[in-house]
Amino acid sequence: MVTYGCLAILFLFVIIKGFALQLHQRKPISREDTDRTLYTILNGERD
């Protein structure tokens, strides 16, 4: 019985974390930003 309680709490925790991640999801990085970042890394220039 205790095992079912632990599983229920874990299940609720996973659902809450999933919703939180979807709500705070960042917008995808544009291709130009990725290219610029890779270019600066390859050239050894750091911000």
Protein backbone atom coordinates (compact mmCIF):
# COMPACT_ATOMS: atom_id res chain seq x y z
CA MET A 1 0.00 0.00 0.00
CA VAL A 2 2.86 2.34 0.80
CA THR A 3 4.38 1.51 -2.59
CA TYR A 4 1.23 2.69 -4.37
CA GLY A 5 1.35 5.94 -2.42
CA CYS A 6 4.98 6.50 -3.41
CA LEU A 7 4.19 5.74 -7.04
CA ALA A 8 1.27 8.18 -7.00
CA ILE A 9 3.45 10.94 -5.55
CA LEU A 10 6.17 10.24 -8.13
CA PHE A 11 3.60 10.26 -10.94
CA LEU A 12 2.21 13.62 -9.81
CA PHE A 13 5.74 15.03 -9.51
CA VAL A 14 6.56 13.99 -13.08
CA ILE A 15 3.33 15.50 -14.42
CA ILE A 16 3.92 18.80 -12.58
CA LYS A 17 7.53 19.00 -13.82
CA GLY A 18 6.37 18.27 -17.38
CA PHE A 19 3.85 21.11 -17.27
CA ALA A 20 6.43 23.46 -15.76
CA LEU A 21 8.92 22.68 -18.51
CA GLN A 22 6.32 23.30 -21.21
CA LEU A 23 5.31 26.63 -19.67
CA HIS A 24 8.89 27.88 -19.32
CA GLN A 25 10.15 26.50 -22.59
CA ARG A 26 12.63 28.76 -24.38
CA LYS A 27 12.17 29.70 -27.98
CA PRO A 28 14.45 27.77 -30.35
CA ILE A 29 17.79 29.30 -31.25
CA SER A 30 17.89 30.64 -34.79
CA ARG A 31 20.25 29.20 -37.34
CA GLU A 32 22.13 32.51 -37.60
CA ASP A 33 22.76 32.58 -33.84
CA THR A 34 24.05 29.02 -33.95
CA ASP A 35 26.34 29.80 -36.88
CA ARG A 36 27.65 32.93 -35.16
CA THR A 37 28.33 31.03 -31.92
CA LEU A 38 30.16 28.22 -33.72
CA TYR A 39 32.19 30.76 -35.69
CA THR A 40 33.34 32.54 -32.54
CA ILE A 41 34.19 29.26 -30.81
CA LEU A 42 36.22 28.00 -33.76
CA ASN A 43 38.13 31.28 -34.01
CA GLY A 44 38.89 31.31 -30.29
CA GLU A 45 37.04 34.56 -29.64
CA ARG A 46 35.17 34.54 -26.36
CA ASP A 47 32.55 37.02 -25.17
